[in-house]
Amino acid sequence: MKIKTINISHYRKVYEAQINMEDNITVIVGANNSGKTSLVEVFNSVFSNAKGRLCFDDLSAVECQKWSNNIYPKFYDVLTANKTREDMVSALCEIISPSTKPEDAILMPPIELKIQVDYNEKEDDIRNFADYIMEFEPSNTSFYFIYRYALNVPFFRKAIDCSSIVKLLRQDRKMIK
């Protein structure tokens, strides 16, 4: 059994990358500040419990800036409107993840790793993966794991509801005018 390819998207400086794992050795080379360390760190986050998990700081800075530029005017309008705290929280969450039109959600692109594992059907024991494999073509000897880090909208709602900005704006709306 062998990891064949790893596709990474929206992780720090790595917008999109495909790494083909060779049979004997795979070498990652590049100029300084090109993302080599980021690749090692994302591998540690996904494949090792010692390093921890992905977090907000691992999102692409470029994508965060695009998202902020897109979302800021909409948030500003809500936060400067004369609304109750509950209405502000609902309106902010509705901007991020609309209940009536989920396709209009304005979400950060998630960090995603797609890991292709190849196996030899005669030599490899895949019992540990049997619950995850559903293949109708017996000649297919690959399966994928997808590891995804994305915005949790209920957690976002709770964080916004508890945020000091909403509390402060409720007391003094002149702060951002």
N, C-alpha and C. Protein backbone atom coordinates (compact mmCIF):
# COMPACT_ATOMS: atom_id res chain seq x y z
N MET A 1 0.85 -1.15 0.00
CA MET A 1 0.00 0.00 0.00
C MET A 1 0.90 1.23 0.00
N LYS A 2 0.49 2.25 -0.74
CA LYS A 2 1.37 3.39 -0.94
C LYS A 2 0.56 4.64 -1.22
N ILE A 3 0.98 5.75 -0.62
CA ILE A 3 0.38 7.04 -0.98
C ILE A 3 0.92 7.40 -2.35
N LYS A 4 0.03 7.59 -3.31
CA LYS A 4 0.43 7.85 -4.70
C LYS A 4 0.52 9.35 -4.98
N THR A 5 -0.54 10.09 -4.63
CA THR A 5 -0.55 11.54 -4.85
C THR A 5 -1.21 12.24 -3.67
N ILE A 6 -0.81 13.47 -3.48
CA ILE A 6 -1.43 14.33 -2.48
C ILE A 6 -1.72 15.66 -3.17
N ASN A 7 -2.99 16.03 -3.20
CA ASN A 7 -3.40 17.33 -3.73
C ASN A 7 -3.72 18.24 -2.55
N ILE A 8 -3.13 19.42 -2.56
CA ILE A 8 -3.32 20.38 -1.46
C ILE A 8 -3.86 21.67 -2.05
N SER A 9 -4.87 22.24 -1.39
CA SER A 9 -5.37 23.53 -1.85
C SER A 9 -5.66 24.45 -0.66
N HIS A 10 -5.34 25.72 -0.87
CA HIS A 10 -5.64 26.82 0.06
C HIS A 10 -4.98 26.67 1.42
N TYR A 11 -3.79 26.11 1.45
CA TYR A 11 -3.05 26.01 2.70
C TYR A 11 -1.90 27.01 2.68
N ARG A 12 -1.97 28.01 3.51
CA ARG A 12 -0.95 29.06 3.61
C ARG A 12 -0.59 29.59 2.22
N LYS A 13 0.68 29.42 1.79
CA LYS A 13 1.10 29.91 0.47
C LYS A 13 0.77 28.94 -0.65
N VAL A 14 0.34 27.75 -0.30
CA VAL A 14 0.07 26.73 -1.31
C VAL A 14 -1.36 26.90 -1.79
N TYR A 15 -1.53 27.53 -2.97
CA TYR A 15 -2.87 27.72 -3.50
C TYR A 15 -3.41 26.39 -4.00
N GLU A 16 -2.67 25.75 -4.88
CA GLU A 16 -3.00 24.40 -5.35
C GLU A 16 -1.70 23.71 -5.72
N ALA A 17 -1.56 22.49 -5.24
CA ALA A 17 -0.36 21.72 -5.57
C ALA A 17 -0.71 20.24 -5.62
N GLN A 18 -0.05 19.57 -6.52
CA GLN A 18 -0.15 18.11 -6.58
C GLN A 18 1.24 17.55 -6.42
N ILE A 19 1.37 16.66 -5.44
CA ILE A 19 2.66 16.02 -5.19
C ILE A 19 2.52 14.55 -5.55
N ASN A 20 3.33 14.13 -6.50
CA ASN A 20 3.35 12.72 -6.89
C ASN A 20 4.42 12.03 -6.08
N MET A 21 4.02 11.05 -5.30
CA MET A 21 4.96 10.32 -4.46
C MET A 21 5.59 9.21 -5.30
N GLU A 22 6.90 9.26 -5.44
CA GLU A 22 7.61 8.27 -6.25
C GLU A 22 7.83 6.99 -5.45
N ASP A 23 8.24 5.93 -6.14
CA ASP A 23 8.38 4.62 -5.50
C ASP A 23 9.42 4.60 -4.38
N ASN A 24 10.59 5.15 -4.60
CA ASN A 24 11.66 5.02 -3.62
C ASN A 24 11.85 6.27 -2.76
N ILE A 25 11.78 7.43 -3.39
CA ILE A 25 12.02 8.66 -2.65
C ILE A 25 11.33 9.81 -3.37
N THR A 26 10.83 10.74 -2.59
CA THR A 26 10.25 11.96 -3.15
C THR A 26 10.99 13.13 -2.53
N VAL A 27 11.50 14.03 -3.35
CA VAL A 27 12.25 15.18 -2.89
C VAL A 27 11.45 16.44 -3.21
N ILE A 28 11.36 17.31 -2.23
CA ILE A 28 10.67 18.59 -2.43
C ILE A 28 11.73 19.68 -2.37
N VAL A 29 11.89 20.39 -3.47
CA VAL A 29 12.88 21.46 -3.54
C VAL A 29 12.19 22.73 -4.02
N GLY A 30 12.78 23.86 -3.68
CA GLY A 30 12.23 25.13 -4.13
C GLY A 30 13.01 26.28 -3.52
N ALA A 31 12.76 27.45 -4.02
CA ALA A 31 13.42 28.66 -3.53
C ALA A 31 12.99 28.95 -2.10
N ASN A 32 13.76 29.79 -1.43
CA ASN A 32 13.37 30.23 -0.09
C ASN A 32 11.98 30.87 -0.16
N ASN A 33 11.20 30.64 0.88
CA ASN A 33 9.87 31.24 1.01
C ASN A 33 8.91 30.80 -0.10
N SER A 34 9.08 29.56 -0.59
CA SER A 34 8.21 29.08 -1.66
C SER A 34 7.15 28.08 -1.17
N GLY A 35 7.23 27.67 0.11
CA GLY A 35 6.20 26.80 0.65
C GLY A 35 6.65 25.41 1.05
N LYS A 36 7.95 25.14 1.02
CA LYS A 36 8.44 23.80 1.40
C LYS A 36 8.10 23.48 2.85
N THR A 37 8.37 24.40 3.74
CA THR A 37 8.07 24.18 5.16
C THR A 37 6.57 24.04 5.37
N SER A 38 5.79 24.81 4.65
CA SER A 38 4.33 24.68 4.75
C SER A 38 3.88 23.27 4.38
N LEU A 39 4.48 22.70 3.36
CA LEU A 39 4.13 21.33 2.98
C LEU A 39 4.45 20.35 4.10
N VAL A 40 5.62 20.49 4.68
CA VAL A 40 6.00 19.60 5.78
C VAL A 40 5.03 19.78 6.95
N GLU A 41 4.66 21.00 7.25
CA GLU A 41 3.76 21.26 8.37
C GLU A 41 2.35 20.74 8.12
N VAL A 42 1.87 20.83 6.90
CA VAL A 42 0.53 20.29 6.63
C VAL A 42 0.57 18.76 6.71
N PHE A 43 1.65 18.15 6.27
CA PHE A 43 1.79 16.70 6.42
C PHE A 43 1.79 16.32 7.91
N ASN A 44 2.53 17.07 8.72
CA ASN A 44 2.55 16.80 10.16
C ASN A 44 1.16 16.98 10.78
N SER A 45 0.43 17.99 10.35
CA SER A 45 -0.91 18.23 10.89
C SER A 45 -1.86 17.09 10.57
N VAL A 46 -1.74 16.54 9.38
CA VAL A 46 -2.68 15.51 8.94
C VAL A 46 -2.23 14.11 9.35
N PHE A 47 -0.94 13.84 9.24
CA PHE A 47 -0.46 12.47 9.45
C PHE A 47 0.08 12.19 10.85
N SER A 48 0.18 13.19 11.71
CA SER A 48 0.77 12.99 13.02
C SER A 48 -0.07 13.65 14.10
N ASN A 49 -0.24 13.00 15.20
CA ASN A 49 -0.96 13.61 16.32
C ASN A 49 -0.06 14.53 17.12
N ALA A 50 1.24 14.43 16.94
CA ALA A 50 2.19 15.20 17.74
C ALA A 50 2.14 16.70 17.44
N LYS A 51 1.90 17.08 16.20
CA LYS A 51 1.98 18.48 15.78
C LYS A 51 0.69 19.25 16.02
N GLY A 52 -0.43 18.58 16.13
CA GLY A 52 -1.68 19.29 16.30
C GLY A 52 -2.51 19.28 15.03
N ARG A 53 -3.50 20.07 15.01
CA ARG A 53 -4.43 20.12 13.88
C ARG A 53 -4.33 21.45 13.14
N LEU A 54 -5.01 21.52 12.03
CA LEU A 54 -5.06 22.76 11.28
C LEU A 54 -5.84 23.80 12.08
N CYS A 55 -5.53 25.06 11.83
CA CYS A 55 -6.24 26.14 12.52
C CYS A 55 -6.43 27.31 11.56
N PHE A 56 -7.07 28.34 12.05
CA PHE A 56 -7.38 29.51 11.24
C PHE A 56 -6.13 30.11 10.61
N ASP A 57 -5.02 30.11 11.32
CA ASP A 57 -3.78 30.69 10.81
C ASP A 57 -3.22 29.94 9.60
N ASP A 58 -3.70 28.74 9.36
CA ASP A 58 -3.22 27.96 8.21
C ASP A 58 -3.96 28.30 6.92
N LEU A 59 -5.04 29.06 7.01
CA LEU A 59 -5.76 29.45 5.80
C LEU A 59 -4.87 30.36 4.95
N SER A 60 -5.10 30.33 3.68
CA SER A 60 -4.32 31.14 2.74
C SER A 60 -4.51 32.63 3.04
N ALA A 61 -3.40 33.34 3.25
CA ALA A 61 -3.46 34.78 3.53
C ALA A 61 -4.09 35.53 2.35
N VAL A 62 -3.78 35.11 1.14
CA VAL A 62 -4.35 35.76 -0.05
C VAL A 62 -5.87 35.57 -0.08
N GLU A 63 -6.32 34.34 0.20
CA GLU A 63 -7.76 34.08 0.21
C GLU A 63 -8.45 34.80 1.36
N CYS A 64 -7.79 34.89 2.51
CA CYS A 64 -8.36 35.64 3.65
C CYS A 64 -8.55 37.10 3.28
N GLN A 65 -7.56 37.67 2.59
CA GLN A 65 -7.66 39.08 2.19
C GLN A 65 -8.80 39.29 1.19
N LYS A 66 -8.91 38.39 0.22
CA LYS A 66 -10.01 38.49 -0.75
C LYS A 66 -11.36 38.40 -0.05
N TRP A 67 -11.46 37.43 0.87
CA TRP A 67 -12.71 37.23 1.61
C TRP A 67 -13.03 38.47 2.44
N SER A 68 -12.02 39.02 3.12
CA SER A 68 -12.22 40.21 3.96
C SER A 68 -12.68 41.39 3.12
N ASN A 69 -12.06 41.58 1.97
CA ASN A 69 -12.45 42.69 1.09
C ASN A 69 -13.89 42.53 0.60
N ASN A 70 -14.30 41.29 0.38
CA ASN A 70 -15.65 41.01 -0.10
C ASN A 70 -16.68 41.18 1.02
N ILE A 71 -16.35 40.74 2.20
CA ILE A 71 -17.31 40.67 3.29
C ILE A 71 -17.40 41.98 4.09
N TYR A 72 -16.32 42.75 4.13
CA TYR A 72 -16.27 43.95 4.98
C TYR A 72 -17.42 44.92 4.73
N PRO A 73 -17.69 45.32 3.48
CA PRO A 73 -18.78 46.29 3.29
C PRO A 73 -20.14 45.76 3.76
N LYS A 74 -20.36 44.47 3.59
CA LYS A 74 -21.62 43.87 4.01
C LYS A 74 -21.72 43.85 5.54
N PHE A 75 -20.63 43.49 6.20
CA PHE A 75 -20.61 43.49 7.66
C PHE A 75 -20.75 44.92 8.19
N TYR A 76 -20.07 45.85 7.57
CA TYR A 76 -20.13 47.25 8.00
C TYR A 76 -21.57 47.75 7.98
N ASP A 77 -22.28 47.44 6.90
CA ASP A 77 -23.69 47.87 6.80
C ASP A 77 -24.52 47.31 7.94
N VAL A 78 -24.31 46.06 8.27
CA VAL A 78 -25.07 45.44 9.36
C VAL A 78 -24.70 46.05 10.70
N LEU A 79 -23.39 46.22 10.93
CA LEU A 79 -22.93 46.70 12.23
C LEU A 79 -23.27 48.17 12.48
N THR A 80 -23.47 48.94 11.43
CA THR A 80 -23.81 50.35 11.61
C THR A 80 -25.31 50.61 11.55
N ALA A 81 -26.08 49.59 11.20
CA ALA A 81 -27.53 49.74 11.18
C ALA A 81 -28.06 49.74 12.61
N ASN A 82 -29.21 50.30 12.78
CA ASN A 82 -29.81 50.37 14.11
C ASN A 82 -30.58 49.08 14.38
N LYS A 83 -29.84 48.03 14.76
CA LYS A 83 -30.45 46.73 15.00
C LYS A 83 -30.12 46.25 16.41
N THR A 84 -30.93 45.36 16.89
CA THR A 84 -30.63 44.74 18.18
C THR A 84 -29.45 43.79 17.99
N ARG A 85 -28.85 43.41 19.10
CA ARG A 85 -27.72 42.49 19.05
C ARG A 85 -28.11 41.19 18.35
N GLU A 86 -29.24 40.64 18.70
CA GLU A 86 -29.70 39.38 18.11
C GLU A 86 -29.90 39.52 16.61
N ASP A 87 -30.47 40.65 16.18
CA ASP A 87 -30.68 40.88 14.75
C ASP A 87 -29.35 41.05 14.01
N MET A 88 -28.36 41.70 14.68
CA MET A 88 -27.04 41.85 14.06
C MET A 88 -26.39 40.48 13.86
N VAL A 89 -26.43 39.65 14.89
CA VAL A 89 -25.83 38.33 14.79
C VAL A 89 -26.50 37.53 13.68
N SER A 90 -27.82 37.56 13.64
CA SER A 90 -28.54 36.83 12.58
C SER A 90 -28.18 37.35 11.20
N ALA A 91 -28.11 38.67 11.06
CA ALA A 91 -27.80 39.26 9.75
C ALA A 91 -26.37 38.91 9.31
N LEU A 92 -25.42 38.93 10.24
CA LEU A 92 -24.04 38.58 9.90
C LEU A 92 -23.94 37.11 9.48
N CYS A 93 -24.63 36.26 10.20
CA CYS A 93 -24.62 34.83 9.85
C CYS A 93 -25.34 34.58 8.52
N GLU A 94 -26.35 35.35 8.27
CA GLU A 94 -27.08 35.21 7.01
C GLU A 94 -26.21 35.62 5.82
N ILE A 95 -25.32 36.57 6.03
CA ILE A 95 -24.38 36.96 4.97
C ILE A 95 -23.42 35.80 4.68
N ILE A 96 -22.89 35.21 5.73
CA ILE A 96 -21.93 34.13 5.58
C ILE A 96 -22.58 32.89 4.98
N SER A 97 -23.74 32.52 5.52
CA SER A 97 -24.40 31.27 5.10
C SER A 97 -25.91 31.48 5.03
N PRO A 98 -26.40 32.00 3.91
CA PRO A 98 -27.83 32.31 3.79
C PRO A 98 -28.70 31.06 3.92
N SER A 99 -29.74 31.17 4.73
CA SER A 99 -30.62 30.02 4.95
C SER A 99 -31.52 29.77 3.74
N THR A 100 -31.88 30.83 3.01
CA THR A 100 -32.77 30.65 1.86
C THR A 100 -32.04 30.27 0.58
N LYS A 101 -30.80 30.73 0.42
CA LYS A 101 -30.03 30.43 -0.78
C LYS A 101 -28.61 30.03 -0.38
N PRO A 102 -28.43 28.76 0.05
CA PRO A 102 -27.09 28.33 0.49
C PRO A 102 -26.02 28.50 -0.58
N GLU A 103 -26.40 28.49 -1.84
CA GLU A 103 -25.42 28.66 -2.91
C GLU A 103 -24.81 30.06 -2.93
N ASP A 104 -25.44 31.02 -2.24
CA ASP A 104 -24.93 32.39 -2.17
C ASP A 104 -24.02 32.61 -0.95
N ALA A 105 -23.66 31.56 -0.27
CA ALA A 105 -22.80 31.68 0.91
C ALA A 105 -21.48 32.34 0.54
N ILE A 106 -20.99 33.17 1.44
CA ILE A 106 -19.70 33.83 1.24
C ILE A 106 -18.75 33.23 2.27
N LEU A 107 -18.13 32.13 1.89
CA LEU A 107 -17.26 31.39 2.80
C LEU A 107 -15.83 31.44 2.31
N MET A 108 -14.92 31.33 3.25
CA MET A 108 -13.50 31.18 2.90
C MET A 108 -13.33 29.86 2.18
N PRO A 109 -12.49 29.81 1.15
CA PRO A 109 -12.21 28.49 0.55
C PRO A 109 -11.55 27.59 1.60
N PRO A 110 -12.01 26.36 1.73
CA PRO A 110 -11.44 25.49 2.77
C PRO A 110 -10.06 24.98 2.38
N ILE A 111 -9.28 24.65 3.40
CA ILE A 111 -8.03 23.92 3.18
C ILE A 111 -8.46 22.49 2.87
N GLU A 112 -7.88 21.93 1.83
CA GLU A 112 -8.27 20.57 1.47
C GLU A 112 -7.05 19.77 1.02
N LEU A 113 -6.96 18.55 1.54
CA LEU A 113 -5.96 17.58 1.10
C LEU A 113 -6.70 16.38 0.57
N LYS A 114 -6.36 15.99 -0.63
CA LYS A 114 -6.92 14.77 -1.22
C LYS A 114 -5.76 13.80 -1.39
N ILE A 115 -5.85 12.69 -0.68
CA ILE A 115 -4.75 11.73 -0.63
C ILE A 115 -5.17 10.46 -1.36
N GLN A 116 -4.44 10.14 -2.42
CA GLN A 116 -4.71 8.93 -3.19
C GLN A 116 -3.81 7.81 -2.68
N VAL A 117 -4.43 6.70 -2.29
CA VAL A 117 -3.69 5.53 -1.83
C VAL A 117 -3.90 4.41 -2.85
N ASP A 118 -2.80 3.85 -3.33
CA ASP A 118 -2.86 2.71 -4.24
C ASP A 118 -2.51 1.45 -3.47
N TYR A 119 -3.13 0.36 -3.84
CA TYR A 119 -2.83 -0.91 -3.18
C TYR A 119 -2.80 -2.03 -4.19
N ASN A 120 -2.13 -3.10 -3.80
CA ASN A 120 -2.08 -4.30 -4.62
C ASN A 120 -3.12 -5.25 -4.05
N GLU A 121 -4.12 -5.55 -4.82
CA GLU A 121 -5.25 -6.34 -4.32
C GLU A 121 -4.85 -7.74 -3.85
N LYS A 122 -3.73 -8.26 -4.36
CA LYS A 122 -3.30 -9.61 -3.97
C LYS A 122 -2.34 -9.60 -2.77
N GLU A 123 -1.63 -8.51 -2.58
CA GLU A 123 -0.61 -8.47 -1.54
C GLU A 123 -1.00 -7.64 -0.31
N ASP A 124 -1.78 -6.59 -0.48
CA ASP A 124 -2.06 -5.67 0.62
C ASP A 124 -3.34 -6.05 1.36
N ASP A 125 -3.29 -5.94 2.66
CA ASP A 125 -4.44 -6.18 3.51
C ASP A 125 -5.16 -4.84 3.71
N ILE A 126 -6.34 -4.72 3.13
CA ILE A 126 -7.06 -3.44 3.21
C ILE A 126 -8.24 -3.51 4.18
N ARG A 127 -8.25 -4.48 5.07
CA ARG A 127 -9.36 -4.61 6.03
C ARG A 127 -9.58 -3.34 6.85
N ASN A 128 -8.50 -2.66 7.23
CA ASN A 128 -8.65 -1.43 8.02
C ASN A 128 -9.33 -0.31 7.24
N PHE A 129 -9.34 -0.43 5.92
CA PHE A 129 -9.94 0.61 5.08
C PHE A 129 -11.26 0.18 4.46
N ALA A 130 -11.66 -1.05 4.70
CA ALA A 130 -12.85 -1.61 4.05
C ALA A 130 -14.11 -0.78 4.28
N ASP A 131 -14.24 -0.17 5.46
CA ASP A 131 -15.43 0.65 5.75
C ASP A 131 -15.48 1.91 4.90
N TYR A 132 -14.34 2.32 4.36
CA TYR A 132 -14.27 3.56 3.59
C TYR A 132 -14.29 3.34 2.09
N ILE A 133 -14.17 2.10 1.66
CA ILE A 133 -14.06 1.80 0.24
C ILE A 133 -15.39 1.27 -0.27
N MET A 134 -15.88 1.93 -1.30
CA MET A 134 -17.10 1.47 -1.96
C MET A 134 -16.83 1.56 -3.46
N GLU A 135 -16.39 0.49 -4.01
CA GLU A 135 -16.00 0.48 -5.42
C GLU A 135 -16.72 -0.66 -6.13
N PHE A 136 -17.27 -0.33 -7.24
CA PHE A 136 -18.00 -1.33 -8.02
C PHE A 136 -17.13 -1.95 -9.11
N GLU A 137 -15.99 -1.37 -9.36
CA GLU A 137 -15.08 -1.87 -10.38
C GLU A 137 -13.91 -2.59 -9.69
N PRO A 138 -13.86 -3.92 -9.71
CA PRO A 138 -12.82 -4.66 -8.99
C PRO A 138 -11.40 -4.35 -9.45
N SER A 139 -11.23 -3.87 -10.67
CA SER A 139 -9.88 -3.59 -11.16
C SER A 139 -9.33 -2.26 -10.62
N ASN A 140 -10.17 -1.46 -9.98
CA ASN A 140 -9.71 -0.20 -9.41
C ASN A 140 -9.00 -0.49 -8.09
N THR A 141 -7.76 -0.11 -8.01
CA THR A 141 -6.96 -0.41 -6.81
C THR A 141 -6.45 0.88 -6.15
N SER A 142 -7.29 1.90 -6.15
CA SER A 142 -6.97 3.17 -5.49
C SER A 142 -8.17 3.60 -4.66
N PHE A 143 -7.89 4.31 -3.60
CA PHE A 143 -8.96 4.99 -2.87
C PHE A 143 -8.41 6.32 -2.38
N TYR A 144 -9.31 7.21 -1.98
CA TYR A 144 -8.93 8.57 -1.60
C TYR A 144 -9.42 8.88 -0.19
N PHE A 145 -8.61 9.64 0.51
CA PHE A 145 -9.05 10.28 1.74
C PHE A 145 -9.06 11.77 1.47
N ILE A 146 -10.10 12.43 1.93
CA ILE A 146 -10.14 13.88 1.79
C ILE A 146 -10.18 14.47 3.19
N TYR A 147 -9.21 15.31 3.48
CA TYR A 147 -9.10 16.00 4.75
C TYR A 147 -9.43 17.45 4.47
N ARG A 148 -10.44 17.98 5.17
CA ARG A 148 -10.95 19.31 4.86
C ARG A 148 -11.06 20.13 6.13
N TYR A 149 -10.60 21.37 6.06
CA TYR A 149 -10.74 22.32 7.16
C TYR A 149 -11.53 23.50 6.61
N ALA A 150 -12.75 23.68 7.13
CA ALA A 150 -13.64 24.71 6.61
C ALA A 150 -14.34 25.43 7.77
N LEU A 151 -14.92 26.56 7.46
CA LEU A 151 -15.66 27.33 8.45
C LEU A 151 -16.83 26.53 8.99
N ASN A 152 -16.94 26.47 10.30
CA ASN A 152 -18.06 25.84 10.98
C ASN A 152 -19.06 26.94 11.28
N VAL A 153 -20.16 27.01 10.52
CA VAL A 153 -21.10 28.13 10.62
C VAL A 153 -21.74 28.23 12.01
N PRO A 154 -22.18 27.12 12.66
CA PRO A 154 -22.72 27.27 14.02
C PRO A 154 -21.68 27.83 15.01
N PHE A 155 -20.42 27.43 14.87
CA PHE A 155 -19.38 27.97 15.74
C PHE A 155 -19.17 29.45 15.44
N PHE A 156 -19.21 29.83 14.16
CA PHE A 156 -19.09 31.24 13.76
C PHE A 156 -20.20 32.05 14.41
N ARG A 157 -21.42 31.53 14.36
CA ARG A 157 -22.56 32.23 14.97
C ARG A 157 -22.31 32.46 16.46
N LYS A 158 -21.84 31.44 17.15
CA LYS A 158 -21.58 31.55 18.58
C LYS A 158 -20.47 32.57 18.85
N ALA A 159 -19.41 32.52 18.03
CA ALA A 159 -18.29 33.46 18.20
C ALA A 159 -18.74 34.89 17.97
N ILE A 160 -19.56 35.12 16.95
CA ILE A 160 -20.07 36.47 16.66
C ILE A 160 -20.98 36.93 17.80
N ASP A 161 -21.81 36.04 18.29
CA ASP A 161 -22.74 36.38 19.36
C ASP A 161 -21.99 36.79 20.63
N CYS A 162 -20.85 36.18 20.86
CA CYS A 162 -20.06 36.47 22.06
C CYS A 162 -19.02 37.56 21.83
N SER A 163 -18.89 38.02 20.61
CA SER A 163 -17.80 38.94 20.31
C SER A 163 -18.00 40.30 20.97
N SER A 164 -16.90 40.89 21.33
CA SER A 164 -16.95 42.20 21.98
C SER A 164 -17.40 43.28 21.01
N ILE A 165 -17.14 43.11 19.72
CA ILE A 165 -17.54 44.14 18.75
C ILE A 165 -19.05 44.33 18.74
N VAL A 166 -19.79 43.24 18.78
CA VAL A 166 -21.25 43.36 18.79
C VAL A 166 -21.70 44.00 20.09
N LYS A 167 -21.10 43.62 21.19
CA LYS A 167 -21.46 44.22 22.49
C LYS A 167 -21.15 45.70 22.50
N LEU A 168 -19.96 46.07 22.01
CA LEU A 168 -19.59 47.48 22.00
C LEU A 168 -20.48 48.30 21.08
N LEU A 169 -20.78 47.76 19.91
CA LEU A 169 -21.62 48.50 18.96
C LEU A 169 -23.02 48.70 19.51
N ARG A 170 -23.47 47.75 20.27
CA ARG A 170 -24.79 47.88 20.87
C ARG A 170 -24.80 49.07 21.84
N GLN A 171 -23.67 49.30 22.52
CA GLN A 171 -23.58 50.40 23.48
C GLN A 171 -23.30 51.72 22.79
N ASP A 172 -22.45 51.71 21.77
CA ASP A 172 -22.05 52.97 21.14
C ASP A 172 -21.81 52.77 19.65
N ARG A 173 -22.78 53.08 18.85
CA ARG A 173 -22.69 52.87 17.40
C ARG A 173 -21.77 53.87 16.71
N LYS A 174 -21.33 54.89 17.43
CA LYS A 174 -20.44 55.90 16.83
C LYS A 174 -19.03 55.39 16.61
N MET A 175 -18.69 54.26 17.18
CA MET A 175 -17.32 53.75 17.13
C MET A 175 -16.81 53.52 15.71
N ILE A 176 -17.67 53.09 14.80
CA ILE A 176 -17.17 52.80 13.45
C ILE A 176 -17.77 53.72 12.39
N LYS A 177 -18.43 54.78 12.82
CA LYS A 177 -18.99 55.72 11.83
C LYS A 177 -17.99 56.76 11.47
